[in-house]
């Protein structure tokens, strides 16, 4: 069975920089019309000027067959961020969001926020100017079990932020637990969440199947089967609170397969095929257009895409690796066969 949807958007992607950029941009551009680019480079994107420079580097690698590819940018929230920077970002119309990383929570998050109260003036300005707050929803307290960090973040951090800034638009990125699903479902229309393909398709057993599987290690980490099923139900529910964000995060093979492997799963080249696989698992392909093409655009206040793409029921052989410029990256489902192929037309 083939089916057609409006071209989708990816509201959470890591494109990296330097030699990798040519390859990551090509992968995302062939799947998505718009992408929201994360700011946690080795040198974080903390100013509007840095974000605009980074955007030009991305656009320089846009494939000729995808001239309308649109990267949207985000700023990295630090305790030194000034409210005036929010005004500058808002005036560009290509920086719709600011990313809150708790310091030490994930890749290149060492510059993140340690005391949320120190950025309240920035959050107040964001609420006023309409910029979104994107949160990596995990506490970094070493006394909290890694599988509980999302639920604790909701209670300790997210609920107080929502109470203090009730009109601030917030996206809880890459949710992973049934607790997060339940929390988001209870919120008003200014609170939403993105969901990755890996958290729809796998539970934490995948990390340990046949030994340690470094290419299944991401942050937030995969959770129990009950949480996977809750995420799948949410994604396919038709609720506008949940929409697509791949969190595709490439690392060269050598940095994944070592004694201290990096967190991140590379899904960009096959993202829609993965989502189609998950939605088809529960007979909900009719819900994919809302999740992938409508609800994110609505939440960010941008027009829905009118061009269309098609998912064709055919075999797609996933390569063992992709080129990343300065090395190889092993994708999710490497060497396996997916039962969907994405094709697209450009008006």
C-alpha atoms as a PDB file:
ATOM      1  CA  UNK A   1       0.000   0.000   0.000  1.00  0.00           C
ATOM      2  CA  UNK A   2       1.409   3.388  -1.018  1.00  0.00           C
ATOM      3  CA  UNK A   3       0.261   6.609   0.612  1.00  0.00           C
ATOM      4  CA  UNK A   4       0.815  10.336   0.184  1.00  0.00           C
ATOM      5  CA  UNK A   5       1.343  13.021   2.833  1.00  0.00           C
ATOM      6  CA  UNK A   6       2.398  16.669   2.782  1.00  0.00           C
ATOM      7  CA  UNK A   7       6.172  17.046   2.984  1.00  0.00           C
ATOM      8  CA  UNK A   8       7.167  16.569   6.631  1.00  0.00           C
ATOM      9  CA  UNK A   9       9.300  18.726   8.907  1.00  0.00           C
ATOM     10  CA  UNK A  10      11.891  17.648  11.469  1.00  0.00           C
ATOM     11  CA  UNK A  11      11.612  19.774  14.582  1.00  0.00           C
ATOM     12  CA  UNK A  12      14.789  18.449  16.224  1.00  0.00           C
ATOM     13  CA  UNK A  13      17.976  17.535  14.345  1.00  0.00           C
ATOM     14  CA  UNK A  14      21.725  17.711  14.863  1.00  0.00           C
ATOM     15  CA  UNK A  15      23.562  18.637  11.675  1.00  0.00           C
ATOM     16  CA  UNK A  16      27.009  19.072  13.274  1.00  0.00           C
ATOM     17  CA  UNK A  17      29.509  21.269  11.405  1.00  0.00           C
ATOM     18  CA  UNK A  18      32.695  21.151   9.364  1.00  0.00           C
ATOM     19  CA  UNK A  19      33.298  18.137   7.131  1.00  0.00           C
ATOM     20  CA  UNK A  20      30.115  16.415   8.306  1.00  0.00           C
ATOM     21  CA  UNK A  21      27.805  19.229   7.271  1.00  0.00           C
ATOM     22  CA  UNK A  22      27.704  18.387   3.560  1.00  0.00           C
ATOM     23  CA  UNK A  23      26.474  14.900   4.378  1.00  0.00           C
ATOM     24  CA  UNK A  24      24.040  15.676   7.192  1.00  0.00           C
ATOM     25  CA  UNK A  25      22.366  18.492   5.257  1.00  0.00           C
ATOM     26  CA  UNK A  26      21.919  16.249   2.218  1.00  0.00           C
ATOM     27  CA  UNK A  27      20.387  13.492   4.350  1.00  0.00           C
ATOM     28  CA  UNK A  28      17.853  15.775   6.047  1.00  0.00           C
ATOM     29  CA  UNK A  29      17.032  17.791   2.925  1.00  0.00           C
ATOM     30  CA  UNK A  30      16.022  14.642   1.055  1.00  0.00           C
ATOM     31  CA  UNK A  31      13.549  13.785   3.821  1.00  0.00           C
ATOM     32  CA  UNK A  32      12.208  17.094   5.136  1.00  0.00           C
ATOM     33  CA  UNK A  33      11.165  20.564   4.015  1.00  0.00           C
ATOM     34  CA  UNK A  34      12.013  22.349   7.284  1.00  0.00           C
ATOM     35  CA  UNK A  35      14.412  21.290  10.009  1.00  0.00           C
ATOM     36  CA  UNK A  36      15.012  22.868  13.396  1.00  0.00           C
ATOM     37  CA  UNK A  37      18.755  22.743  13.979  1.00  0.00           C
ATOM     38  CA  UNK A  38      20.133  22.150  17.462  1.00  0.00           C
ATOM     39  CA  UNK A  39      22.802  24.571  18.759  1.00  0.00           C
ATOM     40  CA  UNK A  40      25.059  22.243  20.771  1.00  0.00           C
ATOM     41  CA  UNK A  41      28.115  22.362  18.555  1.00  0.00           C
ATOM     42  CA  UNK A  42      31.572  22.035  20.091  1.00  0.00           C
ATOM     43  CA  UNK A  43      31.456  25.829  20.279  1.00  0.00           C
ATOM     44  CA  UNK A  44      27.803  26.385  21.227  1.00  0.00           C
ATOM     45  CA  UNK A  45      25.577  28.669  19.179  1.00  0.00           C
ATOM     46  CA  UNK A  46      24.754  31.232  21.856  1.00  0.00           C
ATOM     47  CA  UNK A  47      24.182  34.406  19.821  1.00  0.00           C
ATOM     48  CA  UNK A  48      21.990  35.441  16.919  1.00  0.00           C
ATOM     49  CA  UNK A  49      25.060  36.269  14.847  1.00  0.00           C
ATOM     50  CA  UNK A  50      26.495  32.790  15.394  1.00  0.00           C
ATOM     51  CA  UNK A  51      23.176  31.199  14.466  1.00  0.00           C
ATOM     52  CA  UNK A  52      22.919  33.171  11.226  1.00  0.00           C
ATOM     53  CA  UNK A  53      26.520  32.293  10.283  1.00  0.00           C
ATOM     54  CA  UNK A  54      25.821  28.625  10.968  1.00  0.00           C
ATOM     55  CA  UNK A  55      22.665  28.828   8.864  1.00  0.00           C
ATOM     56  CA  UNK A  56      24.649  30.148   5.907  1.00  0.00           C
ATOM     57  CA  UNK A  57      27.069  27.230   6.209  1.00  0.00           C
ATOM     58  CA  UNK A  58      24.100  24.859   6.163  1.00  0.00           C
ATOM     59  CA  UNK A  59      22.511  26.518   3.138  1.00  0.00           C
ATOM     60  CA  UNK A  60      25.814  26.337   1.258  1.00  0.00           C
ATOM     61  CA  UNK A  61      25.417  22.538   1.281  1.00  0.00           C
ATOM     62  CA  UNK A  62      21.767  22.416   0.245  1.00  0.00           C
ATOM     63  CA  UNK A  63      21.331  19.865  -2.573  1.00  0.00           C
ATOM     64  CA  UNK A  64      20.450  21.442  -5.920  1.00  0.00           C
ATOM     65  CA  UNK A  65      17.416  19.184  -6.213  1.00  0.00           C
ATOM     66  CA  UNK A  66      16.060  20.523  -2.908  1.00  0.00           C
ATOM     67  CA  UNK A  67      16.303  24.319  -3.340  1.00  0.00           C
ATOM     68  CA  UNK A  68      13.445  25.049  -0.932  1.00  0.00           C
ATOM     69  CA  UNK A  69      15.010  23.238   2.038  1.00  0.00           C
ATOM     70  CA  UNK A  70      14.622  25.523   5.061  1.00  0.00           C
ATOM     71  CA  UNK A  71      16.837  25.283   8.142  1.00  0.00           C
ATOM     72  CA  UNK A  72      15.450  27.047  11.194  1.00  0.00           C
ATOM     73  CA  UNK A  73      17.865  27.791  14.007  1.00  0.00           C
ATOM     74  CA  UNK A  74      17.917  27.711  17.780  1.00  0.00           C
ATOM     75  CA  UNK A  75      20.060  29.405  20.404  1.00  0.00           C
ATOM     76  CA  UNK A  76      21.837  27.614  23.231  1.00  0.00           C
ATOM     77  CA  UNK A  77      20.607  28.939  26.575  1.00  0.00           C
ATOM     78  CA  UNK A  78      23.351  29.748  29.075  1.00  0.00           C
ATOM     79  CA  UNK A  79      23.376  31.634  32.341  1.00  0.00           C
ATOM     80  CA  UNK A  80      25.074  34.480  30.450  1.00  0.00           C
ATOM     81  CA  UNK A  81      22.305  34.809  27.837  1.00  0.00           C
ATOM     82  CA  UNK A  82      20.830  38.326  27.865  1.00  0.00           C
ATOM     83  CA  UNK A  83      17.166  39.206  27.240  1.00  0.00           C
ATOM     84  CA  UNK A  84      18.280  41.550  24.435  1.00  0.00           C
ATOM     85  CA  UNK A  85      19.600  38.492  22.575  1.00  0.00           C
ATOM     86  CA  UNK A  86      16.048  37.166  22.461  1.00  0.00           C
ATOM     87  CA  UNK A  87      14.880  40.348  20.757  1.00  0.00           C
ATOM     88  CA  UNK A  88      17.637  40.031  18.171  1.00  0.00           C
ATOM     89  CA  UNK A  89      16.769  36.400  17.515  1.00  0.00           C
ATOM     90  CA  UNK A  90      13.060  37.100  17.148  1.00  0.00           C
ATOM     91  CA  UNK A  91      13.699  39.842  14.591  1.00  0.00           C
ATOM     92  CA  UNK A  92      15.393  37.391  12.189  1.00  0.00           C
ATOM     93  CA  UNK A  93      12.273  35.220  11.702  1.00  0.00           C
ATOM     94  CA  UNK A  94      14.531  32.158  11.273  1.00  0.00           C
ATOM     95  CA  UNK A  95      15.363  31.595  14.967  1.00  0.00           C
ATOM     96  CA  UNK A  96      12.084  30.512  16.558  1.00  0.00           C
ATOM     97  CA  UNK A  97      13.455  28.782  19.647  1.00  0.00           C
ATOM     98  CA  UNK A  98      15.998  28.607  22.471  1.00  0.00           C
ATOM     99  CA  UNK A  99      17.320  25.296  23.778  1.00  0.00           C
ATOM    100  CA  UNK A 100      17.654  24.570  27.495  1.00  0.00           C
ATOM    101  CA  UNK A 101      20.246  21.901  28.256  1.00  0.00           C
ATOM    102  CA  UNK A 102      20.747  21.085  31.927  1.00  0.00           C
ATOM    103  CA  UNK A 103      24.531  21.244  32.270  1.00  0.00           C
ATOM    104  CA  UNK A 104      26.027  17.793  31.639  1.00  0.00           C
ATOM    105  CA  UNK A 105      22.818  16.177  30.409  1.00  0.00           C
ATOM    106  CA  UNK A 106      23.978  15.187  26.917  1.00  0.00           C
ATOM    107  CA  UNK A 107      26.496  15.815  24.109  1.00  0.00           C
ATOM    108  CA  UNK A 108      28.180  19.240  24.355  1.00  0.00           C
ATOM    109  CA  UNK A 109      25.957  20.341  27.220  1.00  0.00           C
ATOM    110  CA  UNK A 110      28.750  21.476  29.534  1.00  0.00           C
ATOM    111  CA  UNK A 111      27.805  25.122  28.881  1.00  0.00           C
ATOM    112  CA  UNK A 112      24.192  24.505  29.852  1.00  0.00           C
ATOM    113  CA  UNK A 113      22.141  25.858  32.729  1.00  0.00           C
ATOM    114  CA  UNK A 114      22.923  24.876  36.318  1.00  0.00           C
ATOM    115  CA  UNK A 115      20.533  27.239  38.119  1.00  0.00           C
ATOM    116  CA  UNK A 116      17.310  27.830  36.191  1.00  0.00           C
ATOM    117  CA  UNK A 117      16.469  30.903  38.254  1.00  0.00           C
ATOM    118  CA  UNK A 118      19.445  32.698  36.724  1.00  0.00           C
ATOM    119  CA  UNK A 119      17.732  32.685  33.317  1.00  0.00           C
ATOM    120  CA  UNK A 120      14.257  33.746  34.454  1.00  0.00           C
ATOM    121  CA  UNK A 121      14.682  37.182  32.855  1.00  0.00           C
ATOM    122  CA  UNK A 122      15.436  35.462  29.534  1.00  0.00           C
ATOM    123  CA  UNK A 123      12.397  33.184  29.848  1.00  0.00           C
ATOM    124  CA  UNK A 124      10.261  36.223  30.618  1.00  0.00           C
ATOM    125  CA  UNK A 125      11.467  37.904  27.422  1.00  0.00           C
ATOM    126  CA  UNK A 126      10.861  34.705  25.434  1.00  0.00           C
ATOM    127  CA  UNK A 127       7.312  34.553  26.743  1.00  0.00           C
ATOM    128  CA  UNK A 128       6.813  38.177  25.704  1.00  0.00           C
ATOM    129  CA  UNK A 129       8.409  37.813  22.244  1.00  0.00           C
ATOM    130  CA  UNK A 130       6.896  34.440  21.391  1.00  0.00           C
ATOM    131  CA  UNK A 131      10.106  32.391  21.150  1.00  0.00           C
ATOM    132  CA  UNK A 132       9.785  28.750  22.105  1.00  0.00           C
ATOM    133  CA  UNK A 133      11.673  27.075  24.921  1.00  0.00           C
ATOM    134  CA  UNK A 134      12.960  23.632  23.963  1.00  0.00           C
ATOM    135  CA  UNK A 135      13.971  21.471  26.899  1.00  0.00           C
ATOM    136  CA  UNK A 136      16.196  18.435  27.185  1.00  0.00           C
ATOM    137  CA  UNK A 137      14.082  16.914  29.912  1.00  0.00           C
ATOM    138  CA  UNK A 138      16.504  15.126  32.214  1.00  0.00           C
ATOM    139  CA  UNK A 139      17.957  16.016  35.564  1.00  0.00           C
ATOM    140  CA  UNK A 140      21.691  15.471  36.005  1.00  0.00           C
ATOM    141  CA  UNK A 141      21.654  14.581  39.695  1.00  0.00           C
ATOM    142  CA  UNK A 142      23.959  11.531  39.973  1.00  0.00           C
ATOM    143  CA  UNK A 143      21.743  10.134  42.719  1.00  0.00           C
ATOM    144  CA  UNK A 144      18.825   9.769  40.284  1.00  0.00           C
ATOM    145  CA  UNK A 145      18.672   6.555  38.259  1.00  0.00           C
ATOM    146  CA  UNK A 146      19.236   7.225  34.556  1.00  0.00           C
ATOM    147  CA  UNK A 147      15.879   5.632  33.726  1.00  0.00           C
ATOM    148  CA  UNK A 148      14.071   8.017  36.122  1.00  0.00           C
ATOM    149  CA  UNK A 149      15.705  11.305  35.109  1.00  0.00           C
ATOM    150  CA  UNK A 150      12.916  12.387  32.767  1.00  0.00           C
ATOM    151  CA  UNK A 151      10.136  11.907  35.292  1.00  0.00           C
ATOM    152  CA  UNK A 152      12.118  13.720  37.987  1.00  0.00           C
ATOM    153  CA  UNK A 153      12.851  16.600  35.571  1.00  0.00           C
ATOM    154  CA  UNK A 154       9.125  17.094  35.029  1.00  0.00           C
ATOM    155  CA  UNK A 155       8.489  17.430  38.763  1.00  0.00           C
ATOM    156  CA  UNK A 156      11.578  19.395  39.749  1.00  0.00           C
ATOM    157  CA  UNK A 157      12.102  21.669  36.754  1.00  0.00           C
ATOM    158  CA  UNK A 158       9.340  21.710  34.174  1.00  0.00           C
ATOM    159  CA  UNK A 159       6.322  22.161  36.427  1.00  0.00           C
ATOM    160  CA  UNK A 160       7.830  25.234  38.161  1.00  0.00           C
ATOM    161  CA  UNK A 161       8.765  26.796  34.798  1.00  0.00           C
ATOM    162  CA  UNK A 162       5.219  26.325  33.491  1.00  0.00           C
ATOM    163  CA  UNK A 163       3.740  27.744  36.702  1.00  0.00           C
ATOM    164  CA  UNK A 164       5.948  30.850  36.576  1.00  0.00           C
ATOM    165  CA  UNK A 165       5.629  31.425  32.811  1.00  0.00           C
ATOM    166  CA  UNK A 166       2.135  30.159  31.957  1.00  0.00           C
ATOM    167  CA  UNK A 167       2.090  31.586  28.402  1.00  0.00           C
ATOM    168  CA  UNK A 168       5.583  30.436  27.409  1.00  0.00           C
ATOM    169  CA  UNK A 169       5.477  27.936  24.557  1.00  0.00           C
ATOM    170  CA  UNK A 170       7.500  24.882  25.564  1.00  0.00           C
ATOM    171  CA  UNK A 171       8.502  21.745  23.697  1.00  0.00           C
ATOM    172  CA  UNK A 172       9.679  18.832  25.790  1.00  0.00           C
ATOM    173  CA  UNK A 173      12.100  17.268  23.338  1.00  0.00           C
ATOM    174  CA  UNK A 174      12.412  13.550  22.575  1.00  0.00           C
ATOM    175  CA  UNK A 175      10.161  12.302  25.350  1.00  0.00           C
ATOM    176  CA  UNK A 176      10.772   8.692  26.351  1.00  0.00           C
ATOM    177  CA  UNK A 177       8.448   7.685  29.186  1.00  0.00           C
ATOM    178  CA  UNK A 178       4.799   6.997  29.868  1.00  0.00           C
ATOM    179  CA  UNK A 179       5.054   9.604  32.641  1.00  0.00           C
ATOM    180  CA  UNK A 180       6.034  12.265  30.097  1.00  0.00           C
ATOM    181  CA  UNK A 181       3.177  11.263  27.810  1.00  0.00           C
ATOM    182  CA  UNK A 182       0.662  11.576  30.643  1.00  0.00           C
ATOM    183  CA  UNK A 183       2.078  14.935  31.696  1.00  0.00           C
ATOM    184  CA  UNK A 184       1.965  16.426  28.185  1.00  0.00           C
ATOM    185  CA  UNK A 185      -1.596  15.195  27.662  1.00  0.00           C
ATOM    186  CA  UNK A 186      -2.689  17.167  30.744  1.00  0.00           C
ATOM    187  CA  UNK A 187      -1.227  20.483  29.565  1.00  0.00           C
ATOM    188  CA  UNK A 188      -2.701  23.450  27.734  1.00  0.00           C
ATOM    189  CA  UNK A 189      -2.088  24.100  24.044  1.00  0.00           C
ATOM    190  CA  UNK A 190       1.222  25.939  24.637  1.00  0.00           C
ATOM    191  CA  UNK A 191       2.984  22.735  25.784  1.00  0.00           C
ATOM    192  CA  UNK A 192       4.010  20.008  23.328  1.00  0.00           C
ATOM    193  CA  UNK A 193       6.537  17.225  22.818  1.00  0.00           C
ATOM    194  CA  UNK A 194       8.590  15.669  20.046  1.00  0.00           C
ATOM    195  CA  UNK A 195       9.106  11.936  19.663  1.00  0.00           C
ATOM    196  CA  UNK A 196      11.991  10.168  17.913  1.00  0.00           C
ATOM    197  CA  UNK A 197      11.780   7.085  15.687  1.00  0.00           C
ATOM    198  CA  UNK A 198      14.021   5.029  17.960  1.00  0.00           C
ATOM    199  CA  UNK A 199      11.786   5.571  20.976  1.00  0.00           C
ATOM    200  CA  UNK A 200       8.775   4.426  18.951  1.00  0.00           C
ATOM    201  CA  UNK A 201      10.493   1.313  17.611  1.00  0.00           C
ATOM    202  CA  UNK A 202      12.724   0.055  20.436  1.00  0.00           C
ATOM    203  CA  UNK A 203      12.832  -0.472  24.167  1.00  0.00           C
ATOM    204  CA  UNK A 204      15.940  -0.667  26.333  1.00  0.00           C
ATOM    205  CA  UNK A 205      16.513  -4.352  25.565  1.00  0.00           C
ATOM    206  CA  UNK A 206      17.877  -3.228  22.178  1.00  0.00           C
ATOM    207  CA  UNK A 207      20.933  -1.716  23.882  1.00  0.00           C
ATOM    208  CA  UNK A 208      21.988  -5.108  25.257  1.00  0.00           C
ATOM    209  CA  UNK A 209      20.840  -7.575  22.592  1.00  0.00           C
ATOM    210  CA  UNK A 210      23.733  -9.967  21.975  1.00  0.00           C
ATOM    211  CA  UNK A 211      26.102  -7.729  23.934  1.00  0.00           C
ATOM    212  CA  UNK A 212      26.468  -3.964  24.223  1.00  0.00           C
ATOM    213  CA  UNK A 213      25.061  -2.240  21.132  1.00  0.00           C
ATOM    214  CA  UNK A 214      26.683   1.217  21.049  1.00  0.00           C
ATOM    215  CA  UNK A 215      24.708   2.383  18.039  1.00  0.00           C
ATOM    216  CA  UNK A 216      21.500   1.999  20.058  1.00  0.00           C
ATOM    217  CA  UNK A 217      22.785   4.281  22.819  1.00  0.00           C
ATOM    218  CA  UNK A 218      21.215   7.721  22.908  1.00  0.00           C
ATOM    219  CA  UNK A 219      20.185  10.280  25.510  1.00  0.00           C
ATOM    220  CA  UNK A 220      17.575  10.181  26.808  1.00  0.00           C
ATOM    221  CA  UNK A 221      18.193   6.446  26.891  1.00  0.00           C
ATOM    222  CA  UNK A 222      15.650   3.919  25.600  1.00  0.00           C
ATOM    223  CA  UNK A 223      13.128   2.906  28.263  1.00  0.00           C
ATOM    224  CA  UNK A 224      10.840  -0.019  29.145  1.00  0.00           C
ATOM    225  CA  UNK A 225       8.369  -1.561  26.706  1.00  0.00           C
ATOM    226  CA  UNK A 226       5.444   0.026  28.540  1.00  0.00           C
ATOM    227  CA  UNK A 227       6.868   3.463  27.816  1.00  0.00           C
ATOM    228  CA  UNK A 228       7.501   2.608  24.167  1.00  0.00           C
ATOM    229  CA  UNK A 229       3.886   1.572  23.785  1.00  0.00           C
ATOM    230  CA  UNK A 230       2.704   4.763  25.494  1.00  0.00           C
ATOM    231  CA  UNK A 231       4.789   6.857  23.103  1.00  0.00           C
ATOM    232  CA  UNK A 232       3.456   4.955  20.109  1.00  0.00           C
ATOM    233  CA  UNK A 233      -0.125   5.473  21.294  1.00  0.00           C
ATOM    234  CA  UNK A 234       0.521   9.199  21.772  1.00  0.00           C
ATOM    235  CA  UNK A 235       2.189   9.655  18.384  1.00  0.00           C
ATOM    236  CA  UNK A 236      -0.646   7.902  16.583  1.00  0.00           C
ATOM    237  CA  UNK A 237      -3.453   9.458  18.625  1.00  0.00           C
ATOM    238  CA  UNK A 238      -4.024  12.490  16.430  1.00  0.00           C
ATOM    239  CA  UNK A 239      -3.223  14.802  19.340  1.00  0.00           C
ATOM    240  CA  UNK A 240      -1.517  18.074  18.300  1.00  0.00           C
ATOM    241  CA  UNK A 241       0.558  17.924  21.481  1.00  0.00           C
ATOM    242  CA  UNK A 242       2.895  15.370  19.827  1.00  0.00           C
ATOM    243  CA  UNK A 243       4.894  15.799  16.631  1.00  0.00           C
ATOM    244  CA  UNK A 244       7.997  14.678  14.780  1.00  0.00           C
ATOM    245  CA  UNK A 245      11.535  15.383  15.965  1.00  0.00           C
ATOM    246  CA  UNK A 246      14.126  12.813  14.967  1.00  0.00           C
ATOM    247  CA  UNK A 247      16.948  13.890  17.284  1.00  0.00           C
ATOM    248  CA  UNK A 248      19.180  12.419  14.567  1.00  0.00           C
ATOM    249  CA  UNK A 249      22.639  12.801  16.090  1.00  0.00           C
ATOM    250  CA  UNK A 250      25.577  11.382  14.116  1.00  0.00           C
ATOM    251  CA  UNK A 251      28.943  10.398  15.571  1.00  0.00           C
ATOM    252  CA  UNK A 252      31.705   8.736  13.588  1.00  0.00           C
ATOM    253  CA  UNK A 253      31.934   5.005  14.155  1.00  0.00           C
ATOM    254  CA  UNK A 254      35.151   5.210  16.162  1.00  0.00           C
ATOM    255  CA  UNK A 255      33.529   7.537  18.710  1.00  0.00           C
ATOM    256  CA  UNK A 256      30.599   5.194  19.201  1.00  0.00           C
ATOM    257  CA  UNK A 257      32.569   1.945  19.361  1.00  0.00           C
ATOM    258  CA  UNK A 258      34.971   2.647  22.199  1.00  0.00           C
ATOM    259  CA  UNK A 259      35.225   2.455  25.972  1.00  0.00           C
ATOM    260  CA  UNK A 260      33.271   5.701  26.401  1.00  0.00           C
ATOM    261  CA  UNK A 261      30.980   5.786  23.382  1.00  0.00           C
ATOM    262  CA  UNK A 262      29.074   8.930  22.459  1.00  0.00           C
ATOM    263  CA  UNK A 263      25.297   9.150  22.840  1.00  0.00           C
ATOM    264  CA  UNK A 264      23.323   9.612  19.653  1.00  0.00           C
ATOM    265  CA  UNK A 265      21.464   7.667  16.968  1.00  0.00           C
ATOM    266  CA  UNK A 266      21.728   8.591  13.285  1.00  0.00           C
ATOM    267  CA  UNK A 267      18.354   8.292  11.567  1.00  0.00           C
ATOM    268  CA  UNK A 268      18.168  11.233   9.150  1.00  0.00           C
ATOM    269  CA  UNK A 269      18.558   9.390   5.797  1.00  0.00           C
ATOM    270  CA  UNK A 270      15.716   6.959   6.566  1.00  0.00           C
ATOM    271  CA  UNK A 271      13.644   8.920   9.068  1.00  0.00           C
ATOM    272  CA  UNK A 272      10.264   8.807   7.363  1.00  0.00           C
ATOM    273  CA  UNK A 273      10.678   5.139   6.508  1.00  0.00           C
ATOM    274  CA  UNK A 274      11.263   4.488  10.210  1.00  0.00           C
ATOM    275  CA  UNK A 275       8.227   6.483  11.297  1.00  0.00           C
ATOM    276  CA  UNK A 276       6.081   4.716   8.693  1.00  0.00           C
ATOM    277  CA  UNK A 277       7.280   1.390  10.097  1.00  0.00           C
ATOM    278  CA  UNK A 278       6.230   2.414  13.611  1.00  0.00           C
ATOM    279  CA  UNK A 279       2.832   3.789  12.575  1.00  0.00           C
ATOM    280  CA  UNK A 280       2.135   0.758  10.420  1.00  0.00           C
ATOM    281  CA  UNK A 281       2.837  -1.480  13.435  1.00  0.00           C
ATOM    282  CA  UNK A 282      -0.409  -0.278  14.991  1.00  0.00           C
ATOM    283  CA  UNK A 283      -2.378   0.278  11.777  1.00  0.00           C
ATOM    284  CA  UNK A 284      -2.202   4.066  12.041  1.00  0.00           C
ATOM    285  CA  UNK A 285      -0.676   5.232   8.765  1.00  0.00           C
ATOM    286  CA  UNK A 286      -3.617   7.604   8.410  1.00  0.00           C
ATOM    287  CA  UNK A 287      -2.281   9.511  11.455  1.00  0.00           C
ATOM    288  CA  UNK A 288       1.236  10.030  10.078  1.00  0.00           C
ATOM    289  CA  UNK A 289       0.463  13.225   8.141  1.00  0.00           C
ATOM    290  CA  UNK A 290      -0.713  15.016  11.269  1.00  0.00           C
ATOM    291  CA  UNK A 291       2.275  13.924  13.323  1.00  0.00           C
ATOM    292  CA  UNK A 292       4.904  14.515  10.621  1.00  0.00           C
ATOM    293  CA  UNK A 293       3.533  17.392   8.560  1.00  0.00           C
ATOM    294  CA  UNK A 294       0.860  19.357  10.442  1.00  0.00           C
ATOM    295  CA  UNK A 295       1.144  19.600  14.217  1.00  0.00           C
ATOM    296  CA  UNK A 296       4.735  20.833  14.410  1.00  0.00           C
ATOM    297  CA  UNK A 297       4.110  23.562  11.842  1.00  0.00           C
ATOM    298  CA  UNK A 298       0.958  24.593  13.707  1.00  0.00           C
ATOM    299  CA  UNK A 299       2.762  24.759  17.040  1.00  0.00           C
ATOM    300  CA  UNK A 300       5.623  26.824  15.623  1.00  0.00           C
ATOM    301  CA  UNK A 301       3.169  29.119  13.846  1.00  0.00           C
ATOM    302  CA  UNK A 302       4.373  28.498  10.293  1.00  0.00           C
ATOM    303  CA  UNK A 303       2.310  27.477   7.249  1.00  0.00           C
ATOM    304  CA  UNK A 304       1.680  23.798   6.660  1.00  0.00           C
ATOM    305  CA  UNK A 305       3.583  22.419   3.688  1.00  0.00           C
ATOM    306  CA  UNK A 306       1.560  22.012   0.505  1.00  0.00           C
ATOM    307  CA  UNK A 307       4.023  19.995  -1.580  1.00  0.00           C
ATOM    308  CA  UNK A 308       3.620  16.260  -1.181  1.00  0.00           C
ATOM    309  CA  UNK A 309       5.748  13.169  -0.804  1.00  0.00           C
ATOM    310  CA  UNK A 310       4.883   9.517  -1.087  1.00  0.00           C
ATOM    311  CA  UNK A 311       5.789   6.493   0.962  1.00  0.00           C
ATOM    312  CA  UNK A 312       5.952   3.505  -1.347  1.00  0.00           C
ATOM    313  CA  UNK A 313       5.591  -0.060  -0.087  1.00  0.00           C
ATOM    314  CA  UNK A 314       8.936  -1.439  -1.297  1.00  0.00           C
ATOM    315  CA  UNK A 315      12.150  -2.805   0.158  1.00  0.00           C
ATOM    316  CA  UNK A 316      14.785  -0.323   1.302  1.00  0.00           C
ATOM    317  CA  UNK A 317      18.159  -1.844   2.137  1.00  0.00           C
ATOM    318  CA  UNK A 318      19.775   0.297   4.816  1.00  0.00           C
ATOM    319  CA  UNK A 319      23.545   0.706   4.274  1.00  0.00           C
ATOM    320  CA  UNK A 320      26.014  -0.559   6.868  1.00  0.00           C
ATOM    321  CA  UNK A 321      27.286   3.016   7.123  1.00  0.00           C
ATOM    322  CA  UNK A 322      27.116   6.475   5.593  1.00  0.00           C
ATOM    323  CA  UNK A 323      29.929   8.912   4.873  1.00  0.00           C
ATOM    324  CA  UNK A 324      30.312  11.645   7.489  1.00  0.00           C
ATOM    325  CA  UNK A 325      33.160  13.528   5.852  1.00  0.00           C
ATOM    326  CA  UNK A 326      35.806  12.746   8.446  1.00  0.00           C
ATOM    327  CA  UNK A 327      34.688   9.159   9.003  1.00  0.00           C
ATOM    328  CA  UNK A 328      31.788   6.738   8.738  1.00  0.00           C
ATOM    329  CA  UNK A 329      28.550   6.802  10.710  1.00  0.00           C
ATOM    330  CA  UNK A 330      26.531   3.664  11.405  1.00  0.00           C
ATOM    331  CA  UNK A 331      22.792   4.362  11.135  1.00  0.00           C
ATOM    332  CA  UNK A 332      19.936   2.846  13.032  1.00  0.00           C
ATOM    333  CA  UNK A 333      18.808  -0.389  11.317  1.00  0.00           C
ATOM    334  CA  UNK A 334      22.214  -0.717   9.590  1.00  0.00           C
ATOM    335  CA  UNK A 335      22.252  -3.642   7.163  1.00  0.00           C
ATOM    336  CA  UNK A 336      18.543  -4.332   7.569  1.00  0.00           C
ATOM    337  CA  UNK A 337      15.588  -3.979   5.216  1.00  0.00           C
ATOM    338  CA  UNK A 338      12.775  -1.470   5.729  1.00  0.00           C
ATOM    339  CA  UNK A 339       9.470  -1.936   3.934  1.00  0.00           C
ATOM    340  CA  UNK A 340       8.976   1.673   2.878  1.00  0.00           C
ATOM    341  CA  UNK A 341      10.711   4.048   0.462  1.00  0.00           C
ATOM    342  CA  UNK A 342      10.199   7.812   0.553  1.00  0.00           C
ATOM    343  CA  UNK A 343       9.802   9.637  -2.760  1.00  0.00           C
ATOM    344  CA  UNK A 344       8.945  13.289  -3.266  1.00  0.00           C
ATOM    345  CA  UNK A 345       7.855  15.763  -5.888  1.00  0.00           C
ATOM    346  CA  UNK A 346       8.701  19.439  -5.986  1.00  0.00           C
ATOM    347  CA  UNK A 347       6.118  21.856  -7.355  1.00  0.00           C
END
